[in-house]
Amino acid sequence: MKTNDYVKYITQTVVKYIDQPKDDRKRIRAEKKEMKGTFLFRWFGILPYLFASIIRKK
């Protein structure tokens, strides 16, 4: 990718973001945050949940 293509892409992305209403930006940000898993799951997978469920059962 040439430098001009990259600058063009970044400019288009920024302009697209700025043109969105503020409420839409907040809604999209909130939706992304909800879709994201918890910290332990993102970093360590299912193991923390497995250990937590075993401890809760005891």
PDB file of N, CA and C in Angstrom:
ATOM      1  N   MET A   1       0.851  -1.169   0.000  1.00  0.00           N
ATOM      2  CA  MET A   1       0.000   0.000   0.000  1.00  0.00           C
ATOM      3  C   MET A   1       0.900   1.235   0.000  1.00  0.00           C
ATOM      4  N   LYS A   2       0.610   2.119  -0.907  1.00  0.00           N
ATOM      5  CA  LYS A   2       1.411   3.328  -0.991  1.00  0.00           C
ATOM      6  C   LYS A   2       0.965   4.329   0.067  1.00  0.00           C
ATOM      7  N   THR A   3       1.808   5.292   0.316  1.00  0.00           N
ATOM      8  CA  THR A   3       1.525   6.296   1.342  1.00  0.00           C
ATOM      9  C   THR A   3       0.274   7.094   1.008  1.00  0.00           C
ATOM     10  N   ASN A   4       0.100   7.463  -0.246  1.00  0.00           N
ATOM     11  CA  ASN A   4      -1.082   8.227  -0.638  1.00  0.00           C
ATOM     12  C   ASN A   4      -2.367   7.448  -0.377  1.00  0.00           C
ATOM     13  N   ASP A   5      -2.348   6.139  -0.644  1.00  0.00           N
ATOM     14  CA  ASP A   5      -3.524   5.309  -0.389  1.00  0.00           C
ATOM     15  C   ASP A   5      -3.848   5.269   1.102  1.00  0.00           C
ATOM     16  N   TYR A   6      -2.823   5.155   1.897  1.00  0.00           N
ATOM     17  CA  TYR A   6      -3.013   5.106   3.351  1.00  0.00           C
ATOM     18  C   TYR A   6      -3.580   6.418   3.879  1.00  0.00           C
ATOM     19  N   VAL A   7      -3.041   7.533   3.429  1.00  0.00           N
ATOM     20  CA  VAL A   7      -3.533   8.843   3.857  1.00  0.00           C
ATOM     21  C   VAL A   7      -4.976   9.028   3.417  1.00  0.00           C
ATOM     22  N   LYS A   8      -5.291   8.591   2.213  1.00  0.00           N
ATOM     23  CA  LYS A   8      -6.664   8.690   1.702  1.00  0.00           C
ATOM     24  C   LYS A   8      -7.621   7.862   2.567  1.00  0.00           C
ATOM     25  N   TYR A   9      -7.210   6.645   2.907  1.00  0.00           N
ATOM     26  CA  TYR A   9      -8.042   5.772   3.741  1.00  0.00           C
ATOM     27  C   TYR A   9      -8.277   6.394   5.121  1.00  0.00           C
ATOM     28  N   ILE A  10      -7.228   6.878   5.757  1.00  0.00           N
ATOM     29  CA  ILE A  10      -7.346   7.493   7.085  1.00  0.00           C
ATOM     30  C   ILE A  10      -8.245   8.717   7.017  1.00  0.00           C
ATOM     31  N   THR A  11      -8.085   9.540   5.991  1.00  0.00           N
ATOM     32  CA  THR A  11      -8.905  10.741   5.839  1.00  0.00           C
ATOM     33  C   THR A  11     -10.376  10.367   5.676  1.00  0.00           C
ATOM     34  N   GLN A  12     -10.657   9.378   4.855  1.00  0.00           N
ATOM     35  CA  GLN A  12     -12.044   8.941   4.660  1.00  0.00           C
ATOM     36  C   GLN A  12     -12.640   8.410   5.948  1.00  0.00           C
ATOM     37  N   THR A  13     -11.863   7.660   6.694  1.00  0.00           N
ATOM     38  CA  THR A  13     -12.352   7.097   7.950  1.00  0.00           C
ATOM     39  C   THR A  13     -12.667   8.193   8.961  1.00  0.00           C
ATOM     40  N   VAL A  14     -11.792   9.165   9.069  1.00  0.00           N
ATOM     41  CA  VAL A  14     -11.995  10.262  10.020  1.00  0.00           C
ATOM     42  C   VAL A  14     -13.206  11.096   9.623  1.00  0.00           C
ATOM     43  N   VAL A  15     -13.338  11.410   8.342  1.00  0.00           N
ATOM     44  CA  VAL A  15     -14.475  12.206   7.874  1.00  0.00           C
ATOM     45  C   VAL A  15     -15.783  11.452   8.097  1.00  0.00           C
ATOM     46  N   LYS A  16     -15.772  10.151   7.844  1.00  0.00           N
ATOM     47  CA  LYS A  16     -16.962   9.327   8.070  1.00  0.00           C
ATOM     48  C   LYS A  16     -17.358   9.350   9.552  1.00  0.00           C
ATOM     49  N   TYR A  17     -16.366   9.278  10.433  1.00  0.00           N
ATOM     50  CA  TYR A  17     -16.620   9.302  11.872  1.00  0.00           C
ATOM     51  C   TYR A  17     -17.165  10.657  12.311  1.00  0.00           C
ATOM     52  N   ILE A  18     -16.585  11.722  11.804  1.00  0.00           N
ATOM     53  CA  ILE A  18     -17.002  13.070  12.198  1.00  0.00           C
ATOM     54  C   ILE A  18     -18.410  13.386  11.688  1.00  0.00           C
ATOM     55  N   ASP A  19     -18.763  12.851  10.525  1.00  0.00           N
ATOM     56  CA  ASP A  19     -20.085  13.119   9.940  1.00  0.00           C
ATOM     57  C   ASP A  19     -21.218  12.429  10.692  1.00  0.00           C
ATOM     58  N   GLN A  20     -20.899  11.407  11.488  1.00  0.00           N
ATOM     59  CA  GLN A  20     -21.937  10.715  12.243  1.00  0.00           C
ATOM     60  C   GLN A  20     -22.436  11.600  13.375  1.00  0.00           C
ATOM     61  N   PRO A  21     -23.741  11.537  13.668  1.00  0.00           N
ATOM     62  CA  PRO A  21     -24.254  12.271  14.828  1.00  0.00           C
ATOM     63  C   PRO A  21     -23.650  11.715  16.121  1.00  0.00           C
ATOM     64  N   LYS A  22     -23.572  12.553  17.122  1.00  0.00           N
ATOM     65  CA  LYS A  22     -22.940  12.176  18.383  1.00  0.00           C
ATOM     66  C   LYS A  22     -23.673  11.001  19.043  1.00  0.00           C
ATOM     67  N   ASP A  23     -25.002  10.987  18.945  1.00  0.00           N
ATOM     68  CA  ASP A  23     -25.771   9.891  19.543  1.00  0.00           C
ATOM     69  C   ASP A  23     -25.438   8.552  18.898  1.00  0.00           C
ATOM     70  N   ASP A  24     -25.252   8.536  17.582  1.00  0.00           N
ATOM     71  CA  ASP A  24     -24.886   7.297  16.890  1.00  0.00           C
ATOM     72  C   ASP A  24     -23.514   6.807  17.330  1.00  0.00           C
ATOM     73  N   ARG A  25     -22.580   7.728  17.481  1.00  0.00           N
ATOM     74  CA  ARG A  25     -21.236   7.341  17.918  1.00  0.00           C
ATOM     75  C   ARG A  25     -21.276   6.724  19.310  1.00  0.00           C
ATOM     76  N   LYS A  26     -22.060   7.317  20.211  1.00  0.00           N
ATOM     77  CA  LYS A  26     -22.173   6.774  21.572  1.00  0.00           C
ATOM     78  C   LYS A  26     -22.833   5.407  21.558  1.00  0.00           C
ATOM     79  N   ARG A  27     -23.865   5.242  20.717  1.00  0.00           N
ATOM     80  CA  ARG A  27     -24.575   3.964  20.637  1.00  0.00           C
ATOM     81  C   ARG A  27     -23.644   2.869  20.110  1.00  0.00           C
ATOM     82  N   ILE A  28     -22.901   3.182  19.061  1.00  0.00           N
ATOM     83  CA  ILE A  28     -21.979   2.200  18.478  1.00  0.00           C
ATOM     84  C   ILE A  28     -20.894   1.824  19.480  1.00  0.00           C
ATOM     85  N   ARG A  29     -20.371   2.814  20.204  1.00  0.00           N
ATOM     86  CA  ARG A  29     -19.341   2.557  21.213  1.00  0.00           C
ATOM     87  C   ARG A  29     -19.888   1.656  22.320  1.00  0.00           C
ATOM     88  N   ALA A  30     -21.143   1.902  22.745  1.00  0.00           N
ATOM     89  CA  ALA A  30     -21.759   1.087  23.792  1.00  0.00           C
ATOM     90  C   ALA A  30     -21.988  -0.342  23.303  1.00  0.00           C
ATOM     91  N   GLU A  31     -22.404  -0.500  22.046  1.00  0.00           N
ATOM     92  CA  GLU A  31     -22.609  -1.839  21.493  1.00  0.00           C
ATOM     93  C   GLU A  31     -21.297  -2.614  21.426  1.00  0.00           C
ATOM     94  N   LYS A  32     -20.219  -1.959  21.026  1.00  0.00           N
ATOM     95  CA  LYS A  32     -18.920  -2.622  20.983  1.00  0.00           C
ATOM     96  C   LYS A  32     -18.476  -3.054  22.371  1.00  0.00           C
ATOM     97  N   LYS A  33     -18.756  -2.193  23.365  1.00  0.00           N
ATOM     98  CA  LYS A  33     -18.359  -2.510  24.733  1.00  0.00           C
ATOM     99  C   LYS A  33     -19.130  -3.713  25.258  1.00  0.00           C
ATOM    100  N   GLU A  34     -20.406  -3.828  24.905  1.00  0.00           N
ATOM    101  CA  GLU A  34     -21.213  -4.968  25.342  1.00  0.00           C
ATOM    102  C   GLU A  34     -20.741  -6.265  24.688  1.00  0.00           C
ATOM    103  N   MET A  35     -20.310  -6.183  23.446  1.00  0.00           N
ATOM    104  CA  MET A  35     -19.884  -7.374  22.718  1.00  0.00           C
ATOM    105  C   MET A  35     -18.554  -7.913  23.233  1.00  0.00           C
ATOM    106  N   LYS A  36     -17.752  -7.056  23.814  1.00  0.00           N
ATOM    107  CA  LYS A  36     -16.427  -7.448  24.293  1.00  0.00           C
ATOM    108  C   LYS A  36     -16.576  -8.337  25.528  1.00  0.00           C
ATOM    109  N   GLY A  37     -15.785  -9.391  25.593  1.00  0.00           N
ATOM    110  CA  GLY A  37     -15.809 -10.282  26.738  1.00  0.00           C
ATOM    111  C   GLY A  37     -15.136  -9.655  27.943  1.00  0.00           C
ATOM    112  N   THR A  38     -15.239 -10.334  29.064  1.00  0.00           N
ATOM    113  CA  THR A  38     -14.592  -9.822  30.265  1.00  0.00           C
ATOM    114  C   THR A  38     -13.074  -9.947  30.138  1.00  0.00           C
ATOM    115  N   PHE A  39     -12.361  -9.260  30.994  1.00  0.00           N
ATOM    116  CA  PHE A  39     -10.899  -9.247  30.944  1.00  0.00           C
ATOM    117  C   PHE A  39     -10.324 -10.658  31.087  1.00  0.00           C
ATOM    118  N   LEU A  40     -10.816 -11.404  32.060  1.00  0.00           N
ATOM    119  CA  LEU A  40     -10.269 -12.744  32.288  1.00  0.00           C
ATOM    120  C   LEU A  40     -10.505 -13.647  31.091  1.00  0.00           C
ATOM    121  N   PHE A  41     -11.671 -13.561  30.503  1.00  0.00           N
ATOM    122  CA  PHE A  41     -11.974 -14.422  29.363  1.00  0.00           C
ATOM    123  C   PHE A  41     -11.138 -14.042  28.147  1.00  0.00           C
ATOM    124  N   ARG A  42     -10.954 -12.739  27.922  1.00  0.00           N
ATOM    125  CA  ARG A  42     -10.157 -12.310  26.767  1.00  0.00           C
ATOM    126  C   ARG A  42      -8.707 -12.741  26.901  1.00  0.00           C
ATOM    127  N   TRP A  43      -8.157 -12.700  28.107  1.00  0.00           N
ATOM    128  CA  TRP A  43      -6.744 -12.989  28.281  1.00  0.00           C
ATOM    129  C   TRP A  43      -6.443 -14.461  28.551  1.00  0.00           C
ATOM    130  N   PHE A  44      -7.356 -15.148  29.234  1.00  0.00           N
ATOM    131  CA  PHE A  44      -7.040 -16.508  29.667  1.00  0.00           C
ATOM    132  C   PHE A  44      -8.022 -17.561  29.166  1.00  0.00           C
ATOM    133  N   GLY A  45      -9.031 -17.191  28.401  1.00  0.00           N
ATOM    134  CA  GLY A  45      -9.969 -18.154  27.854  1.00  0.00           C
ATOM    135  C   GLY A  45     -10.971 -18.630  28.887  1.00  0.00           C
ATOM    136  N   ILE A  46     -11.343 -19.872  28.798  1.00  0.00           N
ATOM    137  CA  ILE A  46     -12.413 -20.430  29.617  1.00  0.00           C
ATOM    138  C   ILE A  46     -11.920 -20.900  30.993  1.00  0.00           C
ATOM    139  N   LEU A  47     -10.618 -21.018  31.185  1.00  0.00           N
ATOM    140  CA  LEU A  47     -10.083 -21.572  32.438  1.00  0.00           C
ATOM    141  C   LEU A  47     -10.522 -20.818  33.695  1.00  0.00           C
ATOM    142  N   PRO A  48     -10.510 -19.494  33.746  1.00  0.00           N
ATOM    143  CA  PRO A  48     -10.963 -18.821  34.967  1.00  0.00           C
ATOM    144  C   PRO A  48     -12.424 -19.133  35.310  1.00  0.00           C
ATOM    145  N   TYR A  49     -13.262 -19.243  34.283  1.00  0.00           N
ATOM    146  CA  TYR A  49     -14.662 -19.583  34.528  1.00  0.00           C
ATOM    147  C   TYR A  49     -14.806 -21.019  35.038  1.00  0.00           C
ATOM    148  N   LEU A  50     -13.994 -21.915  34.523  1.00  0.00           N
ATOM    149  CA  LEU A  50     -14.017 -23.294  34.972  1.00  0.00           C
ATOM    150  C   LEU A  50     -13.629 -23.385  36.444  1.00  0.00           C
ATOM    151  N   PHE A  51     -12.540 -22.725  36.816  1.00  0.00           N
ATOM    152  CA  PHE A  51     -12.105 -22.736  38.212  1.00  0.00           C
ATOM    153  C   PHE A  51     -13.126 -22.065  39.127  1.00  0.00           C
ATOM    154  N   ALA A  52     -13.713 -20.974  38.686  1.00  0.00           N
ATOM    155  CA  ALA A  52     -14.716 -20.281  39.495  1.00  0.00           C
ATOM    156  C   ALA A  52     -15.938 -21.158  39.696  1.00  0.00           C
ATOM    157  N   SER A  53     -16.370 -21.872  38.660  1.00  0.00           N
ATOM    158  CA  SER A  53     -17.550 -22.721  38.821  1.00  0.00           C
ATOM    159  C   SER A  53     -17.261 -23.901  39.740  1.00  0.00           C
ATOM    160  N   ILE A  54     -16.050 -24.437  39.697  1.00  0.00           N
ATOM    161  CA  ILE A  54     -15.680 -25.544  40.599  1.00  0.00           C
ATOM    162  C   ILE A  54     -15.672 -25.052  42.040  1.00  0.00           C
ATOM    163  N   ILE A  55     -15.136 -23.873  42.271  1.00  0.00           N
ATOM    164  CA  ILE A  55     -15.089 -23.329  43.632  1.00  0.00           C
ATOM    165  C   ILE A  55     -16.501 -23.047  44.140  1.00  0.00           C
ATOM    166  N   ARG A  56     -17.380 -22.523  43.289  1.00  0.00           N
ATOM    167  CA  ARG A  56     -18.758 -22.222  43.705  1.00  0.00           C
ATOM    168  C   ARG A  56     -19.522 -23.488  44.057  1.00  0.00           C
ATOM    169  N   LYS A  57     -19.259 -24.593  43.360  1.00  0.00           N
ATOM    170  CA  LYS A  57     -19.958 -25.840  43.630  1.00  0.00           C
ATOM    171  C   LYS A  57     -19.581 -26.413  44.991  1.00  0.00           C
ATOM    172  N   LYS A  58     -18.344 -26.147  45.428  1.00  0.00           N
ATOM    173  CA  LYS A  58     -17.893 -26.672  46.724  1.00  0.00           C
ATOM    174  C   LYS A  58     -18.434 -25.831  47.793  1.00  0.00           C
TER     175      LYS A  58
END
